[in-house]
Protein backbone atom coordinates (compact mmCIF):
# COMPACT_ATOMS: atom_id res chain seq x y z
CA MET A 1 0.00 0.00 0.00
CA ALA A 2 1.25 3.46 -0.90
CA SER A 3 1.91 5.60 2.13
CA HIS A 4 0.69 9.20 1.75
CA LEU A 5 -2.86 10.15 0.70
CA LEU A 6 -3.99 13.65 -0.23
CA ILE A 7 -7.68 14.44 0.34
CA ILE A 8 -9.09 17.53 -1.34
CA GLY A 9 -11.89 19.00 0.78
CA ALA A 10 -11.66 19.19 4.57
CA GLY A 11 -15.33 19.06 5.54
CA GLY A 12 -17.33 16.40 7.34
CA HIS A 13 -17.32 14.08 4.34
CA GLY A 14 -13.54 14.50 4.18
CA LYS A 15 -13.25 13.13 7.71
CA VAL A 16 -15.28 10.08 6.70
CA VAL A 17 -12.99 9.54 3.70
CA ALA A 18 -9.89 9.91 5.88
CA ASP A 19 -11.24 7.42 8.40
CA ALA A 20 -11.98 4.91 5.62
CA ALA A 21 -8.54 5.47 4.10
CA GLU A 22 -6.79 4.97 7.41
CA ALA A 23 -8.75 1.75 7.99
CA ALA A 24 -7.75 0.64 4.48
CA GLY A 25 -4.07 1.02 5.33
CA TRP A 26 -2.96 4.49 4.21
CA GLN A 27 -0.11 5.40 6.56
CA SER A 28 -0.42 9.19 6.43
CA ILE A 29 -3.16 11.55 5.31
CA GLU A 30 -3.18 15.25 4.44
CA PHE A 31 -5.99 17.62 3.45
CA VAL A 32 -5.97 20.55 1.05
CA ASP A 33 -8.80 23.05 1.38
CA GLU A 34 -9.24 26.66 0.25
CA ARG A 35 -10.34 27.49 3.81
CA TRP A 36 -6.99 26.34 5.21
CA GLU A 37 -6.34 29.63 7.04
CA GLN A 38 -9.47 29.03 9.14
CA ILE A 39 -9.23 25.23 9.29
CA ASN A 40 -5.72 23.88 9.84
CA LEU A 41 -6.85 20.56 11.32
CA ASN A 42 -9.66 18.22 10.29
CA ASN A 43 -10.03 15.88 13.25
CA ARG A 44 -6.34 14.97 13.66
CA TRP A 45 -5.18 15.48 10.07
CA ASN A 46 -3.34 18.58 8.83
CA VAL A 47 -4.96 20.95 6.35
CA SER A 48 -2.90 23.05 3.94
CA GLY A 49 -3.70 25.36 1.05
CA ASP A 50 -0.92 24.60 -1.45
CA LEU A 51 -2.32 22.02 -3.87
CA ASP A 52 0.78 21.82 -6.07
CA ALA A 53 3.09 21.12 -3.13
CA ALA A 54 0.68 18.59 -1.65
CA LEU A 55 0.36 16.75 -4.98
CA ALA A 56 4.14 16.53 -5.25
CA ARG A 57 4.44 14.65 -1.96
CA SER A 58 1.40 12.38 -2.35
CA ASP A 59 1.17 8.78 -3.49
CA GLY A 60 -2.58 9.00 -4.02
CA VAL A 61 -5.29 11.64 -4.33
CA ILE A 62 -9.03 11.55 -3.61
CA VAL A 63 -11.61 14.34 -3.80
CA ALA A 64 -13.93 14.66 -0.78
CA ILE A 65 -16.29 17.39 -1.94
CA GLY A 66 -19.96 16.65 -1.36
CA ASN A 67 -21.38 18.62 -4.29
CA ASN A 68 -21.49 16.18 -7.19
CA ALA A 69 -20.83 18.65 -10.00
CA THR A 70 -17.97 20.36 -8.17
CA ARG A 71 -16.39 17.04 -7.20
CA LEU A 72 -16.47 15.84 -10.80
CA LYS A 73 -15.02 19.11 -12.10
CA VAL A 74 -12.07 18.82 -9.69
CA VAL A 75 -11.52 15.16 -10.60
CA ILE A 76 -11.49 15.98 -14.32
CA ASP A 77 -8.93 18.72 -13.69
CA LEU A 78 -6.75 16.37 -11.63
CA LYS A 79 -6.89 13.71 -14.36
CA ARG A 80 -5.68 16.28 -16.89
CA ARG A 81 -2.78 17.08 -14.57
CA GLY A 82 -1.84 13.42 -14.27
CA ALA A 83 -2.55 13.28 -10.53
CA PRO A 84 -2.44 9.78 -8.97
CA LEU A 85 -6.20 9.44 -8.36
CA VAL A 86 -7.21 6.43 -6.29
CA ASN A 87 -10.34 4.76 -4.97
CA VAL A 88 -10.83 4.70 -1.19
CA ILE A 89 -12.64 1.57 -0.04
CA HIS A 90 -13.35 0.91 3.63
CA PRO A 91 -12.33 -2.66 4.56
CA SER A 92 -15.89 -3.42 5.73
CA ALA A 93 -17.30 -2.66 2.25
CA VAL A 94 -18.28 -5.72 0.24
CA VAL A 95 -17.21 -5.40 -3.39
CA SER A 96 -17.57 -8.23 -5.89
CA SER A 97 -14.43 -9.04 -7.80
CA TYR A 98 -16.56 -8.59 -10.93
CA VAL A 99 -17.28 -4.90 -10.31
CA THR A 100 -15.98 -2.43 -12.91
CA MET A 101 -14.92 0.84 -11.32
CA GLY A 102 -13.35 4.09 -12.47
CA VAL A 103 -11.19 6.33 -10.28
CA ALA A 104 -11.73 8.73 -7.38
CA ASN A 105 -14.59 6.68 -5.92
CA VAL A 106 -15.29 6.42 -2.19
CA LEU A 107 -16.94 3.36 -0.66
CA VAL A 108 -17.43 3.81 3.06
CA ALA A 109 -18.28 1.43 5.88
CA GLY A 110 -20.86 -1.21 5.04
CA ALA A 111 -21.26 -0.34 1.35
CA ILE A 112 -22.12 -3.28 -0.91
CA LEU A 113 -21.47 -3.58 -4.65
CA ASN A 114 -22.65 -6.85 -6.15
CA ILE A 115 -21.57 -8.71 -9.28
CA ASP A 116 -21.31 -6.85 -12.60
CA VAL A 117 -21.94 -3.41 -11.15
CA MET A 118 -20.39 -0.64 -13.27
CA LEU A 119 -19.27 2.50 -11.46
CA GLY A 120 -17.91 5.63 -13.16
CA ASP A 121 -15.51 8.16 -11.64
CA ALA A 122 -15.92 10.26 -8.49
CA CYS A 123 -18.86 8.36 -6.99
CA ILE A 124 -19.75 8.15 -3.30
CA ILE A 125 -21.33 4.93 -2.06
CA ASN A 126 -22.14 5.90 1.49
CA THR A 127 -22.67 4.07 4.76
CA ALA A 128 -24.59 0.77 4.39
CA ALA A 129 -25.77 1.61 0.86
CA SER A 130 -26.17 -1.31 -1.54
CA ILE A 131 -25.91 -1.57 -5.31
CA ASP A 132 -27.25 -4.86 -6.62
CA HIS A 133 -26.18 -6.92 -9.63
CA ASP A 134 -25.81 -5.34 -13.08
CA CYS A 135 -26.47 -1.77 -11.96
CA SER A 136 -24.76 1.03 -13.86
CA LEU A 137 -23.80 4.34 -12.23
CA GLY A 138 -22.33 7.26 -14.15
CA ASP A 139 -19.78 9.77 -12.89
CA ALA A 140 -20.13 11.65 -9.59
CA VAL A 141 -23.20 9.78 -8.37
CA HIS A 142 -23.84 9.94 -4.61
CA VAL A 143 -25.78 7.05 -3.10
CA SER A 144 -26.55 8.22 0.43
CA PRO A 145 -26.48 6.17 3.65
CA GLY A 146 -28.95 3.30 3.73
CA ALA A 147 -30.08 3.74 0.11
CA HIS A 148 -30.56 0.65 -2.04
CA LEU A 149 -30.55 0.04 -5.80
CA ALA A 150 -32.10 -3.21 -7.03
CA GLY A 151 -30.66 -5.19 -9.92
CA GLU A 152 -30.13 -3.63 -13.36
CA ALA A 153 -30.99 -0.10 -12.25
CA SER A 154 -29.09 2.73 -13.93
CA VAL A 155 -28.19 6.17 -12.58
CA GLY A 156 -26.92 9.09 -14.63
CA ASP A 157 -24.01 11.45 -13.98
CA ARG A 158 -24.08 13.77 -10.95
CA THR A 159 -27.30 12.29 -9.59
CA TRP A 160 -28.01 12.16 -5.87
CA ILE A 161 -29.92 9.26 -4.29
CA GLY A 162 -31.08 10.47 -0.86
CA ILE A 163 -30.73 8.75 2.48
CA GLY A 164 -32.86 5.63 2.82
CA ALA A 165 -34.21 5.83 -0.74
CA VAL A 166 -34.82 2.73 -2.84
CA VAL A 167 -34.71 2.27 -6.61
CA LYS A 168 -36.65 -0.63 -8.14
CA GLU A 169 -34.97 -3.12 -10.45
CA CYS A 170 -34.47 -2.12 -14.10
CA VAL A 171 -35.42 1.51 -13.39
CA SER A 172 -33.41 4.38 -14.92
CA VAL A 173 -32.66 7.63 -13.08
CA GLY A 174 -31.34 10.35 -15.39
CA HIS A 175 -28.42 12.76 -15.16
CA ASP A 176 -28.50 15.47 -12.48
CA ALA A 177 -31.63 14.07 -10.83
CA ILE A 178 -32.34 14.16 -7.11
CA VAL A 179 -34.15 11.35 -5.32
CA GLY A 180 -35.39 12.57 -1.96
CA ALA A 181 -34.81 10.90 1.40
CA GLY A 182 -36.87 7.75 1.87
CA ALA A 183 -38.32 7.85 -1.64
CA ALA A 184 -39.34 4.67 -3.46
CA VAL A 185 -38.51 4.95 -7.17
CA ILE A 186 -40.64 2.47 -9.13
CA ALA A 187 -40.59 4.16 -12.55
CA ASP A 188 -37.98 5.90 -14.68
CA VAL A 189 -36.91 9.40 -13.60
CA ALA A 190 -35.95 11.88 -16.32
CA ALA A 191 -32.78 13.99 -16.21
CA ASP A 192 -32.80 17.06 -13.95
CA ARG A 193 -35.93 15.92 -12.08
CA VAL A 194 -36.50 15.98 -8.33
CA VAL A 195 -38.66 13.16 -6.98
CA ILE A 196 -39.89 12.46 -3.46
CA GLY A 197 -42.33 10.18 -1.66
CA VAL A 198 -43.67 6.63 -1.85
CA PRO A 199 -44.03 6.03 -4.68
CA ALA A 200 -41.66 8.74 -5.84
CA THR A 201 -43.31 11.55 -7.76
CA ARG A 202 -41.98 14.69 -9.39
CA VAL A 203 -41.71 17.88 -7.34
């Protein structure tokens, strides 16, 4: 395992990523955040403001920004710069050896990815969320804690699946959609839509 991980974004989600990374064996962790003059520690990890210097001393880089569009924009920029982007996977996550995954993804404690799941770049699979067989997730999707996708569901880029939501098998959720907390998605959701409730309906 490489030794030094750089995390971009020193908020609450960043702490979760750092905790997962430490559990996964990263020996040292550093944050970069534009608010570094006000926040020089995130939990016990140092926060700096010099991205170029931090990249030079890092073996791996992950982006811990909660906003899906912003996170993806930063990841794209880092890829262009040749930064060593990595996936951070908590050791308690269950990931089939037949999962296809891009880079800069975060799988935290209790996440489950079953066989033949396809995951893009910069996704967050949060606490105890599950993605069943043959699901396809685009770039910068956030599946919130306790949310569940049944088999063969698909989710477009930058979409947010809220806490405790469920998506029925074979259902498609479009790009930039938002599925509200606790919603039950039983029919396709178009791009840019916000849906809530049981069954989920458009706001």
